[in-house]
Amino acid sequence: MAIFNAGKEGYLLARIDGRQVLFTSMRLDRATIPEGLYCYDIRDSYRLDGSFTEVRPFVEENHLGTILCREPFPLAEGGAYTPKKWGYCGGMSLEEFRQGQTGRASA
């Protein structure tokens, strides 16, 4: 399983239940996550259809991607958050996101 440096990846800006996040389909090395950002993995459905089934601290099976966010997700007792609404909003760099820039987001 390959793990990548967060500072060297390209990202899509996305929104999950009103929260702006950066999304990459890669697994990120947690040691490379900039201070002040939270990192979660996204679990795909068992149909592997690209749906954001769960947000978890780590996903081994059915890994769809990894997100970075400015605030933690409220995880349920089992350690997961189940998104109700999500969507992609375009591209944004890690530095732009860290500086607090926002993009157009509809989800």
PDB file of N, CA and C in Angstrom:
ATOM      1  N   MET A   1       0.844  -1.169   0.000  1.00  0.00           N
ATOM      2  CA  MET A   1       0.000   0.000   0.000  1.00  0.00           C
ATOM      3  C   MET A   1       0.897   1.242   0.000  1.00  0.00           C
ATOM      4  N   ALA A   2       0.788   2.034  -1.021  1.00  0.00           N
ATOM      5  CA  ALA A   2       1.599   3.254  -1.150  1.00  0.00           C
ATOM      6  C   ALA A   2       0.987   4.382  -0.320  1.00  0.00           C
ATOM      7  N   ILE A   3       1.848   5.150   0.315  1.00  0.00           N
ATOM      8  CA  ILE A   3       1.423   6.290   1.126  1.00  0.00           C
ATOM      9  C   ILE A   3       2.196   7.509   0.625  1.00  0.00           C
ATOM     10  N   PHE A   4       1.502   8.632   0.458  1.00  0.00           N
ATOM     11  CA  PHE A   4       2.067   9.797  -0.200  1.00  0.00           C
ATOM     12  C   PHE A   4       2.175  10.997   0.731  1.00  0.00           C
ATOM     13  N   ASN A   5       3.070  11.903   0.377  1.00  0.00           N
ATOM     14  CA  ASN A   5       3.309  13.138   1.111  1.00  0.00           C
ATOM     15  C   ASN A   5       2.185  14.129   0.821  1.00  0.00           C
ATOM     16  N   ALA A   6       1.526  14.605   1.870  1.00  0.00           N
ATOM     17  CA  ALA A   6       0.396  15.527   1.715  1.00  0.00           C
ATOM     18  C   ALA A   6       0.786  16.808   0.984  1.00  0.00           C
ATOM     19  N   GLY A   7       2.012  17.262   1.165  1.00  0.00           N
ATOM     20  CA  GLY A   7       2.462  18.501   0.539  1.00  0.00           C
ATOM     21  C   GLY A   7       2.758  18.384  -0.936  1.00  0.00           C
ATOM     22  N   LYS A   8       2.773  17.179  -1.462  1.00  0.00           N
ATOM     23  CA  LYS A   8       3.117  16.985  -2.876  1.00  0.00           C
ATOM     24  C   LYS A   8       1.954  16.475  -3.712  1.00  0.00           C
ATOM     25  N   GLU A   9       0.768  16.404  -3.130  1.00  0.00           N
ATOM     26  CA  GLU A   9      -0.399  15.894  -3.842  1.00  0.00           C
ATOM     27  C   GLU A   9      -1.246  17.021  -4.416  1.00  0.00           C
ATOM     28  N   GLY A  10      -2.022  16.686  -5.437  1.00  0.00           N
ATOM     29  CA  GLY A  10      -3.022  17.599  -5.974  1.00  0.00           C
ATOM     30  C   GLY A  10      -4.349  17.292  -5.295  1.00  0.00           C
ATOM     31  N   TYR A  11      -5.204  18.284  -5.170  1.00  0.00           N
ATOM     32  CA  TYR A  11      -6.451  18.113  -4.431  1.00  0.00           C
ATOM     33  C   TYR A  11      -7.640  18.660  -5.199  1.00  0.00           C
ATOM     34  N   LEU A  12      -8.795  18.127  -4.878  1.00  0.00           N
ATOM     35  CA  LEU A  12     -10.068  18.683  -5.297  1.00  0.00           C
ATOM     36  C   LEU A  12     -10.714  19.293  -4.062  1.00  0.00           C
ATOM     37  N   LEU A  13     -11.299  20.442  -4.236  1.00  0.00           N
ATOM     38  CA  LEU A  13     -12.090  21.025  -3.168  1.00  0.00           C
ATOM     39  C   LEU A  13     -13.435  20.303  -3.174  1.00  0.00           C
ATOM     40  N   ALA A  14     -13.902  19.910  -2.016  1.00  0.00           N
ATOM     41  CA  ALA A  14     -15.184  19.214  -1.906  1.00  0.00           C
ATOM     42  C   ALA A  14     -15.920  19.761  -0.695  1.00  0.00           C
ATOM     43  N   ARG A  15     -17.181  19.400  -0.613  1.00  0.00           N
ATOM     44  CA  ARG A  15     -17.997  19.780   0.533  1.00  0.00           C
ATOM     45  C   ARG A  15     -18.698  18.518   1.021  1.00  0.00           C
ATOM     46  N   ILE A  16     -18.620  18.282   2.320  1.00  0.00           N
ATOM     47  CA  ILE A  16     -19.311  17.160   2.945  1.00  0.00           C
ATOM     48  C   ILE A  16     -20.209  17.740   4.029  1.00  0.00           C
ATOM     49  N   ASP A  17     -21.511  17.640   3.816  1.00  0.00           N
ATOM     50  CA  ASP A  17     -22.491  18.167   4.772  1.00  0.00           C
ATOM     51  C   ASP A  17     -22.147  19.591   5.219  1.00  0.00           C
ATOM     52  N   GLY A  18     -21.816  20.425   4.266  1.00  0.00           N
ATOM     53  CA  GLY A  18     -21.550  21.829   4.537  1.00  0.00           C
ATOM     54  C   GLY A  18     -20.127  22.161   4.948  1.00  0.00           C
ATOM     55  N   ARG A  19     -19.276  21.176   5.121  1.00  0.00           N
ATOM     56  CA  ARG A  19     -17.879  21.409   5.509  1.00  0.00           C
ATOM     57  C   ARG A  19     -16.987  21.358   4.284  1.00  0.00           C
ATOM     58  N   GLN A  20     -16.162  22.369   4.105  1.00  0.00           N
ATOM     59  CA  GLN A  20     -15.190  22.338   3.015  1.00  0.00           C
ATOM     60  C   GLN A  20     -14.032  21.435   3.396  1.00  0.00           C
ATOM     61  N   VAL A  21     -13.633  20.598   2.442  1.00  0.00           N
ATOM     62  CA  VAL A  21     -12.513  19.683   2.643  1.00  0.00           C
ATOM     63  C   VAL A  21     -11.694  19.639   1.366  1.00  0.00           C
ATOM     64  N   LEU A  22     -10.445  19.200   1.493  1.00  0.00           N
ATOM     65  CA  LEU A  22      -9.628  18.878   0.329  1.00  0.00           C
ATOM     66  C   LEU A  22      -9.656  17.378   0.174  1.00  0.00           C
ATOM     67  N   PHE A  23      -9.828  16.904  -1.061  1.00  0.00           N
ATOM     68  CA  PHE A  23      -9.909  15.475  -1.335  1.00  0.00           C
ATOM     69  C   PHE A  23      -8.790  15.055  -2.278  1.00  0.00           C
ATOM     70  N   THR A  24      -8.176  13.926  -1.981  1.00  0.00           N
ATOM     71  CA  THR A  24      -7.263  13.264  -2.898  1.00  0.00           C
ATOM     72  C   THR A  24      -7.590  11.785  -2.890  1.00  0.00           C
ATOM     73  N   SER A  25      -7.393  11.123  -3.992  1.00  0.00           N
ATOM     74  CA  SER A  25      -7.647   9.682  -4.043  1.00  0.00           C
ATOM     75  C   SER A  25      -6.483   8.886  -3.447  1.00  0.00           C
ATOM     76  N   MET A  26      -5.417   9.561  -3.066  1.00  0.00           N
ATOM     77  CA  MET A  26      -4.236   8.894  -2.513  1.00  0.00           C
ATOM     78  C   MET A  26      -4.362   8.709  -0.998  1.00  0.00           C
ATOM     79  N   ARG A  27      -3.584   7.765  -0.489  1.00  0.00           N
ATOM     80  CA  ARG A  27      -3.433   7.603   0.958  1.00  0.00           C
ATOM     81  C   ARG A  27      -2.316   8.553   1.390  1.00  0.00           C
ATOM     82  N   LEU A  28      -2.587   9.341   2.405  1.00  0.00           N
ATOM     83  CA  LEU A  28      -1.593  10.325   2.844  1.00  0.00           C
ATOM     84  C   LEU A  28      -0.854   9.858   4.090  1.00  0.00           C
ATOM     85  N   ASP A  29       0.435  10.140   4.101  1.00  0.00           N
ATOM     86  CA  ASP A  29       1.274   9.887   5.266  1.00  0.00           C
ATOM     87  C   ASP A  29       0.858  10.892   6.332  1.00  0.00           C
ATOM     88  N   ARG A  30       0.340  10.402   7.444  1.00  0.00           N
ATOM     89  CA  ARG A  30      -0.167  11.279   8.497  1.00  0.00           C
ATOM     90  C   ARG A  30       0.930  12.186   9.054  1.00  0.00           C
ATOM     91  N   ALA A  31       2.179  11.776   8.975  1.00  0.00           N
ATOM     92  CA  ALA A  31       3.289  12.598   9.469  1.00  0.00           C
ATOM     93  C   ALA A  31       3.519  13.834   8.594  1.00  0.00           C
ATOM     94  N   THR A  32       2.937  13.871   7.382  1.00  0.00           N
ATOM     95  CA  THR A  32       3.128  14.998   6.465  1.00  0.00           C
ATOM     96  C   THR A  32       1.938  15.964   6.466  1.00  0.00           C
ATOM     97  N   ILE A  33       0.944  15.718   7.313  1.00  0.00           N
ATOM     98  CA  ILE A  33      -0.231  16.593   7.374  1.00  0.00           C
ATOM     99  C   ILE A  33       0.154  17.885   8.106  1.00  0.00           C
ATOM    100  N   PRO A  34      -0.082  19.039   7.493  1.00  0.00           N
ATOM    101  CA  PRO A  34       0.275  20.304   8.149  1.00  0.00           C
ATOM    102  C   PRO A  34      -0.468  20.482   9.472  1.00  0.00           C
ATOM    103  N   GLU A  35       0.210  21.099  10.416  1.00  0.00           N
ATOM    104  CA  GLU A  35      -0.378  21.372  11.716  1.00  0.00           C
ATOM    105  C   GLU A  35      -1.641  22.204  11.542  1.00  0.00           C
ATOM    106  N   GLY A  36      -2.650  21.882  12.311  1.00  0.00           N
ATOM    107  CA  GLY A  36      -3.910  22.622  12.262  1.00  0.00           C
ATOM    108  C   GLY A  36      -4.944  22.019  11.329  1.00  0.00           C
ATOM    109  N   LEU A  37      -4.562  20.996  10.560  1.00  0.00           N
ATOM    110  CA  LEU A  37      -5.515  20.322   9.683  1.00  0.00           C
ATOM    111  C   LEU A  37      -5.790  18.921  10.217  1.00  0.00           C
ATOM    112  N   TYR A  38      -6.977  18.441   9.947  1.00  0.00           N
ATOM    113  CA  TYR A  38      -7.398  17.099  10.338  1.00  0.00           C
ATOM    114  C   TYR A  38      -7.437  16.225   9.093  1.00  0.00           C
ATOM    115  N   CYS A  39      -7.097  14.965   9.257  1.00  0.00           N
ATOM    116  CA  CYS A  39      -7.004  14.039   8.133  1.00  0.00           C
ATOM    117  C   CYS A  39      -7.887  12.823   8.390  1.00  0.00           C
ATOM    118  N   TYR A  40      -8.683  12.471   7.381  1.00  0.00           N
ATOM    119  CA  TYR A  40      -9.557  11.303   7.464  1.00  0.00           C
ATOM    120  C   TYR A  40      -9.522  10.560   6.131  1.00  0.00           C
ATOM    121  N   ASP A  41      -9.813   9.286   6.199  1.00  0.00           N
ATOM    122  CA  ASP A  41      -9.981   8.492   4.986  1.00  0.00           C
ATOM    123  C   ASP A  41     -11.465   8.396   4.663  1.00  0.00           C
ATOM    124  N   ILE A  42     -11.745   8.194   3.385  1.00  0.00           N
ATOM    125  CA  ILE A  42     -13.115   8.003   2.912  1.00  0.00           C
ATOM    126  C   ILE A  42     -13.268   6.555   2.473  1.00  0.00           C
ATOM    127  N   ARG A  43     -14.296   5.903   3.009  1.00  0.00           N
ATOM    128  CA  ARG A  43     -14.596   4.530   2.600  1.00  0.00           C
ATOM    129  C   ARG A  43     -15.640   4.581   1.487  1.00  0.00           C
ATOM    130  N   ASP A  44     -15.368   3.843   0.427  1.00  0.00           N
ATOM    131  CA  ASP A  44     -16.311   3.679  -0.678  1.00  0.00           C
ATOM    132  C   ASP A  44     -17.292   2.565  -0.310  1.00  0.00           C
ATOM    133  N   SER A  45     -18.390   2.503  -1.010  1.00  0.00           N
ATOM    134  CA  SER A  45     -19.349   1.426  -0.777  1.00  0.00           C
ATOM    135  C   SER A  45     -18.755   0.105  -1.273  1.00  0.00           C
ATOM    136  N   TYR A  46     -19.384  -0.978  -0.906  1.00  0.00           N
ATOM    137  CA  TYR A  46     -18.911  -2.293  -1.369  1.00  0.00           C
ATOM    138  C   TYR A  46     -19.144  -2.481  -2.866  1.00  0.00           C
ATOM    139  N   ARG A  47     -19.965  -1.623  -3.473  1.00  0.00           N
ATOM    140  CA  ARG A  47     -20.151  -1.648  -4.930  1.00  0.00           C
ATOM    141  C   ARG A  47     -19.008  -0.932  -5.647  1.00  0.00           C
ATOM    142  N   LEU A  48     -18.157  -0.235  -4.881  1.00  0.00           N
ATOM    143  CA  LEU A  48     -17.039   0.541  -5.430  1.00  0.00           C
ATOM    144  C   LEU A  48     -17.531   1.506  -6.506  1.00  0.00           C
ATOM    145  N   ASP A  49     -18.562   2.284  -6.145  1.00  0.00           N
ATOM    146  CA  ASP A  49     -19.203   3.190  -7.095  1.00  0.00           C
ATOM    147  C   ASP A  49     -18.828   4.654  -6.895  1.00  0.00           C
ATOM    148  N   GLY A  50     -17.816   4.918  -6.055  1.00  0.00           N
ATOM    149  CA  GLY A  50     -17.379   6.285  -5.854  1.00  0.00           C
ATOM    150  C   GLY A  50     -18.221   7.074  -4.871  1.00  0.00           C
ATOM    151  N   SER A  51     -18.993   6.386  -4.046  1.00  0.00           N
ATOM    152  CA  SER A  51     -19.812   7.092  -3.056  1.00  0.00           C
ATOM    153  C   SER A  51     -19.049   7.266  -1.747  1.00  0.00           C
ATOM    154  N   PHE A  52     -19.260   8.385  -1.131  1.00  0.00           N
ATOM    155  CA  PHE A  52     -18.636   8.689   0.158  1.00  0.00           C
ATOM    156  C   PHE A  52     -19.467   7.989   1.236  1.00  0.00           C
ATOM    157  N   THR A  53     -19.185   6.736   1.515  1.00  0.00           N
ATOM    158  CA  THR A  53     -19.985   5.973   2.464  1.00  0.00           C
ATOM    159  C   THR A  53     -19.684   6.349   3.902  1.00  0.00           C
ATOM    160  N   GLU A  54     -18.391   6.467   4.243  1.00  0.00           N
ATOM    161  CA  GLU A  54     -18.005   6.806   5.609  1.00  0.00           C
ATOM    162  C   GLU A  54     -16.750   7.667   5.621  1.00  0.00           C
ATOM    163  N   VAL A  55     -16.671   8.521   6.630  1.00  0.00           N
ATOM    164  CA  VAL A  55     -15.460   9.267   6.952  1.00  0.00           C
ATOM    165  C   VAL A  55     -14.902   8.600   8.207  1.00  0.00           C
ATOM    166  N   ARG A  56     -13.635   8.156   8.150  1.00  0.00           N
ATOM    167  CA  ARG A  56     -13.009   7.452   9.274  1.00  0.00           C
ATOM    168  C   ARG A  56     -11.572   7.935   9.448  1.00  0.00           C
ATOM    169  N   PRO A  57     -11.020   7.773  10.635  1.00  0.00           N
ATOM    170  CA  PRO A  57      -9.613   8.130  10.830  1.00  0.00           C
ATOM    171  C   PRO A  57      -8.683   7.311   9.932  1.00  0.00           C
ATOM    172  N   PHE A  58      -9.028   6.064   9.650  1.00  0.00           N
ATOM    173  CA  PHE A  58      -8.227   5.226   8.763  1.00  0.00           C
ATOM    174  C   PHE A  58      -9.137   4.188   8.118  1.00  0.00           C
ATOM    175  N   VAL A  59      -8.964   3.973   6.823  1.00  0.00           N
ATOM    176  CA  VAL A  59      -9.717   2.968   6.083  1.00  0.00           C
ATOM    177  C   VAL A  59      -8.724   2.071   5.364  1.00  0.00           C
ATOM    178  N   GLU A  60      -8.824   0.795   5.605  1.00  0.00           N
ATOM    179  CA  GLU A  60      -7.944  -0.136   4.901  1.00  0.00           C
ATOM    180  C   GLU A  60      -8.634  -0.730   3.682  1.00  0.00           C
ATOM    181  N   GLU A  61      -9.882  -1.130   3.833  1.00  0.00           N
ATOM    182  CA  GLU A  61     -10.637  -1.771   2.759  1.00  0.00           C
ATOM    183  C   GLU A  61     -11.595  -0.773   2.116  1.00  0.00           C
ATOM    184  N   ASN A  62     -11.692  -0.812   0.804  1.00  0.00           N
ATOM    185  CA  ASN A  62     -12.565   0.089   0.035  1.00  0.00           C
ATOM    186  C   ASN A  62     -12.191   1.560   0.226  1.00  0.00           C
ATOM    187  N   HIS A  63     -10.911   1.831   0.240  1.00  0.00           N
ATOM    188  CA  HIS A  63     -10.415   3.208   0.384  1.00  0.00           C
ATOM    189  C   HIS A  63     -10.719   3.982  -0.892  1.00  0.00           C
ATOM    190  N   LEU A  64     -11.517   5.029  -0.766  1.00  0.00           N
ATOM    191  CA  LEU A  64     -11.839   5.888  -1.912  1.00  0.00           C
ATOM    192  C   LEU A  64     -10.860   7.044  -2.004  1.00  0.00           C
ATOM    193  N   GLY A  65     -10.441   7.551  -0.855  1.00  0.00           N
ATOM    194  CA  GLY A  65      -9.526   8.682  -0.847  1.00  0.00           C
ATOM    195  C   GLY A  65      -9.296   9.185   0.555  1.00  0.00           C
ATOM    196  N   THR A  66      -8.645  10.336   0.637  1.00  0.00           N
ATOM    197  CA  THR A  66      -8.314  10.962   1.906  1.00  0.00           C
ATOM    198  C   THR A  66      -8.744  12.419   1.840  1.00  0.00           C
ATOM    199  N   ILE A  67      -9.237  12.925   2.960  1.00  0.00           N
ATOM    200  CA  ILE A  67      -9.629  14.325   3.026  1.00  0.00           C
ATOM    201  C   ILE A  67      -8.837  15.039   4.108  1.00  0.00           C
ATOM    202  N   LEU A  68      -8.642  16.326   3.883  1.00  0.00           N
ATOM    203  CA  LEU A  68      -8.068  17.222   4.873  1.00  0.00           C
ATOM    204  C   LEU A  68      -9.125  18.272   5.183  1.00  0.00           C
ATOM    205  N   CYS A  69      -9.277  18.621   6.457  1.00  0.00           N
ATOM    206  CA  CYS A  69     -10.276  19.611   6.833  1.00  0.00           C
ATOM    207  C   CYS A  69      -9.765  20.476   7.974  1.00  0.00           C
ATOM    208  N   ARG A  70     -10.425  21.603   8.151  1.00  0.00           N
ATOM    209  CA  ARG A  70      -9.993  22.567   9.163  1.00  0.00           C
ATOM    210  C   ARG A  70     -10.551  22.253  10.548  1.00  0.00           C
ATOM    211  N   GLU A  71     -11.638  21.498  10.606  1.00  0.00           N
ATOM    212  CA  GLU A  71     -12.275  21.137  11.869  1.00  0.00           C
ATOM    213  C   GLU A  71     -12.519  19.638  11.888  1.00  0.00           C
ATOM    214  N   PRO A  72     -12.500  19.033  13.077  1.00  0.00           N
ATOM    215  CA  PRO A  72     -12.727  17.585  13.134  1.00  0.00           C
ATOM    216  C   PRO A  72     -14.169  17.226  12.798  1.00  0.00           C
ATOM    217  N   PHE A  73     -14.363  16.034  12.275  1.00  0.00           N
ATOM    218  CA  PHE A  73     -15.699  15.503  12.031  1.00  0.00           C
ATOM    219  C   PHE A  73     -16.207  14.863  13.317  1.00  0.00           C
ATOM    220  N   PRO A  74     -17.489  14.989  13.599  1.00  0.00           N
ATOM    221  CA  PRO A  74     -18.058  14.359  14.794  1.00  0.00           C
ATOM    222  C   PRO A  74     -18.264  12.858  14.536  1.00  0.00           C
ATOM    223  N   LEU A  75     -17.330  12.054  14.966  1.00  0.00           N
ATOM    224  CA  LEU A  75     -17.389  10.619  14.722  1.00  0.00           C
ATOM    225  C   LEU A  75     -18.339   9.945  15.712  1.00  0.00           C
ATOM    226  N   ALA A  76     -19.102   8.991  15.223  1.00  0.00           N
ATOM    227  CA  ALA A  76     -20.014   8.226  16.071  1.00  0.00           C
ATOM    228  C   ALA A  76     -19.206   7.280  16.958  1.00  0.00           C
ATOM    229  N   GLU A  77     -19.875   6.592  17.823  1.00  0.00           N
ATOM    230  CA  GLU A  77     -19.219   5.687  18.764  1.00  0.00           C
ATOM    231  C   GLU A  77     -18.328   4.659  18.063  1.00  0.00           C
ATOM    232  N   GLY A  78     -18.714   4.199  16.894  1.00  0.00           N
ATOM    233  CA  GLY A  78     -17.914   3.224  16.139  1.00  0.00           C
ATOM    234  C   GLY A  78     -16.740   3.844  15.405  1.00  0.00           C
ATOM    235  N   GLY A  79     -16.556   5.160  15.524  1.00  0.00           N
ATOM    236  CA  GLY A  79     -15.420   5.820  14.905  1.00  0.00           C
ATOM    237  C   GLY A  79     -15.638   6.272  13.479  1.00  0.00           C
ATOM    238  N   ALA A  80     -16.904   6.415  13.068  1.00  0.00           N
ATOM    239  CA  ALA A  80     -17.191   6.814  11.689  1.00  0.00           C
ATOM    240  C   ALA A  80     -18.206   7.955  11.656  1.00  0.00           C
ATOM    241  N   TYR A  81     -18.163   8.687  10.559  1.00  0.00           N
ATOM    242  CA  TYR A  81     -19.149   9.722  10.261  1.00  0.00           C
ATOM    243  C   TYR A  81     -19.767   9.332   8.925  1.00  0.00           C
ATOM    244  N   THR A  82     -21.088   9.332   8.841  1.00  0.00           N
ATOM    245  CA  THR A  82     -21.779   8.966   7.613  1.00  0.00           C
ATOM    246  C   THR A  82     -22.297  10.228   6.926  1.00  0.00           C
ATOM    247  N   PRO A  83     -21.689  10.610   5.803  1.00  0.00           N
ATOM    248  CA  PRO A  83     -22.124  11.829   5.107  1.00  0.00           C
ATOM    249  C   PRO A  83     -23.524  11.681   4.517  1.00  0.00           C
ATOM    250  N   LYS A  84     -24.270  12.772   4.571  1.00  0.00           N
ATOM    251  CA  LYS A  84     -25.593  12.803   3.947  1.00  0.00           C
ATOM    252  C   LYS A  84     -25.526  13.443   2.560  1.00  0.00           C
ATOM    253  N   LYS A  85     -24.663  14.446   2.424  1.00  0.00           N
ATOM    254  CA  LYS A  85     -24.569  15.187   1.162  1.00  0.00           C
ATOM    255  C   LYS A  85     -23.116  15.554   0.914  1.00  0.00           C
ATOM    256  N   TRP A  86     -22.640  15.311  -0.290  1.00  0.00           N
ATOM    257  CA  TRP A  86     -21.259  15.658  -0.627  1.00  0.00           C
ATOM    258  C   TRP A  86     -21.171  15.977  -2.110  1.00  0.00           C
ATOM    259  N   GLY A  87     -20.133  16.689  -2.475  1.00  0.00           N
ATOM    260  CA  GLY A  87     -19.907  17.011  -3.877  1.00  0.00           C
ATOM    261  C   GLY A  87     -18.564  17.688  -4.067  1.00  0.00           C
ATOM    262  N   TYR A  88     -18.058  17.584  -5.284  1.00  0.00           N
ATOM    263  CA  TYR A  88     -16.788  18.219  -5.639  1.00  0.00           C
ATOM    264  C   TYR A  88     -17.049  19.633  -6.128  1.00  0.00           C
ATOM    265  N   CYS A  89     -16.076  20.516  -5.892  1.00  0.00           N
ATOM    266  CA  CYS A  89     -16.259  21.933  -6.205  1.00  0.00           C
ATOM    267  C   CYS A  89     -15.143  22.513  -7.067  1.00  0.00           C
ATOM    268  N   GLY A  90     -14.181  21.734  -7.481  1.00  0.00           N
ATOM    269  CA  GLY A  90     -13.078  22.253  -8.276  1.00  0.00           C
ATOM    270  C   GLY A  90     -11.753  21.957  -7.609  1.00  0.00           C
ATOM    271  N   GLY A  91     -10.704  22.567  -8.080  1.00  0.00           N
ATOM    272  CA  GLY A  91      -9.374  22.326  -7.529  1.00  0.00           C
ATOM    273  C   GLY A  91      -8.954  23.416  -6.561  1.00  0.00           C
ATOM    274  N   MET A  92      -8.064  23.062  -5.658  1.00  0.00           N
ATOM    275  CA  MET A  92      -7.494  24.035  -4.730  1.00  0.00           C
ATOM    276  C   MET A  92      -6.193  23.439  -4.205  1.00  0.00           C
ATOM    277  N   SER A  93      -5.217  24.280  -4.013  1.00  0.00           N
ATOM    278  CA  SER A  93      -3.945  23.797  -3.483  1.00  0.00           C
ATOM    279  C   SER A  93      -4.019  23.675  -1.963  1.00  0.00           C
ATOM    280  N   LEU A  94      -3.134  22.898  -1.418  1.00  0.00           N
ATOM    281  CA  LEU A  94      -3.044  22.753   0.023  1.00  0.00           C
ATOM    282  C   LEU A  94      -2.750  24.102   0.671  1.00  0.00           C
ATOM    283  N   GLU A  95      -1.868  24.876   0.089  1.00  0.00           N
ATOM    284  CA  GLU A  95      -1.514  26.186   0.659  1.00  0.00           C
ATOM    285  C   GLU A  95      -2.715  27.141   0.648  1.00  0.00           C
ATOM    286  N   GLU A  96      -3.477  27.160  -0.442  1.00  0.00           N
ATOM    287  CA  GLU A  96      -4.671  28.012  -0.498  1.00  0.00           C
ATOM    288  C   GLU A  96      -5.664  27.616   0.598  1.00  0.00           C
ATOM    289  N   PHE A  97      -5.842  26.319   0.783  1.00  0.00           N
ATOM    290  CA  PHE A  97      -6.755  25.822   1.797  1.00  0.00           C
ATOM    291  C   PHE A  97      -6.281  26.204   3.194  1.00  0.00           C
ATOM    292  N   ARG A  98      -4.990  26.048   3.435  1.00  0.00           N
ATOM    293  CA  ARG A  98      -4.420  26.400   4.738  1.00  0.00           C
ATOM    294  C   ARG A  98      -4.570  27.890   5.034  1.00  0.00           C
ATOM    295  N   GLN A  99      -4.539  28.725   3.990  1.00  0.00           N
ATOM    296  CA  GLN A  99      -4.679  30.169   4.170  1.00  0.00           C
ATOM    297  C   GLN A  99      -6.145  30.578   4.387  1.00  0.00           C
ATOM    298  N   GLY A 100      -7.031  29.601   4.346  1.00  0.00           N
ATOM    299  CA  GLY A 100      -8.443  29.893   4.609  1.00  0.00           C
ATOM    300  C   GLY A 100      -9.241  30.290   3.403  1.00  0.00           C
ATOM    301  N   GLN A 101      -8.678  30.134   2.200  1.00  0.00           N
ATOM    302  CA  GLN A 101      -9.418  30.487   1.006  1.00  0.00           C
ATOM    303  C   GLN A 101     -10.597  29.535   0.854  1.00  0.00           C
ATOM    304  N   THR A 102     -11.650  30.024   0.266  1.00  0.00           N
ATOM    305  CA  THR A 102     -12.832  29.217   0.024  1.00  0.00           C
ATOM    306  C   THR A 102     -13.117  29.213  -1.468  1.00  0.00           C
ATOM    307  N   GLY A 103     -13.783  28.198  -1.904  1.00  0.00           N
ATOM    308  CA  GLY A 103     -14.165  28.098  -3.301  1.00  0.00           C
ATOM    309  C   GLY A 103     -15.673  28.019  -3.388  1.00  0.00           C
ATOM    310  N   ARG A 104     -16.157  27.937  -4.586  1.00  0.00           N
ATOM    311  CA  ARG A 104     -17.585  27.770  -4.773  1.00  0.00           C
ATOM    312  C   ARG A 104     -17.927  26.330  -4.448  1.00  0.00           C
ATOM    313  N   ALA A 105     -18.899  26.140  -3.568  1.00  0.00           N
ATOM    314  CA  ALA A 105     -19.277  24.799  -3.164  1.00  0.00           C
ATOM    315  C   ALA A 105     -20.790  24.735  -2.983  1.00  0.00           C
ATOM    316  N   SER A 106     -21.383  23.698  -3.511  1.00  0.00           N
ATOM    317  CA  SER A 106     -22.832  23.609  -3.463  1.00  0.00           C
ATOM    318  C   SER A 106     -23.357  22.517  -2.540  1.00  0.00           C
ATOM    319  N   ALA A 107     -22.542  21.590  -2.147  1.00  0.00           N
ATOM    320  CA  ALA A 107     -23.040  20.471  -1.338  1.00  0.00           C
ATOM    321  C   ALA A 107     -23.058  20.819   0.129  1.00  0.00           C
TER     322      ALA A 107
END
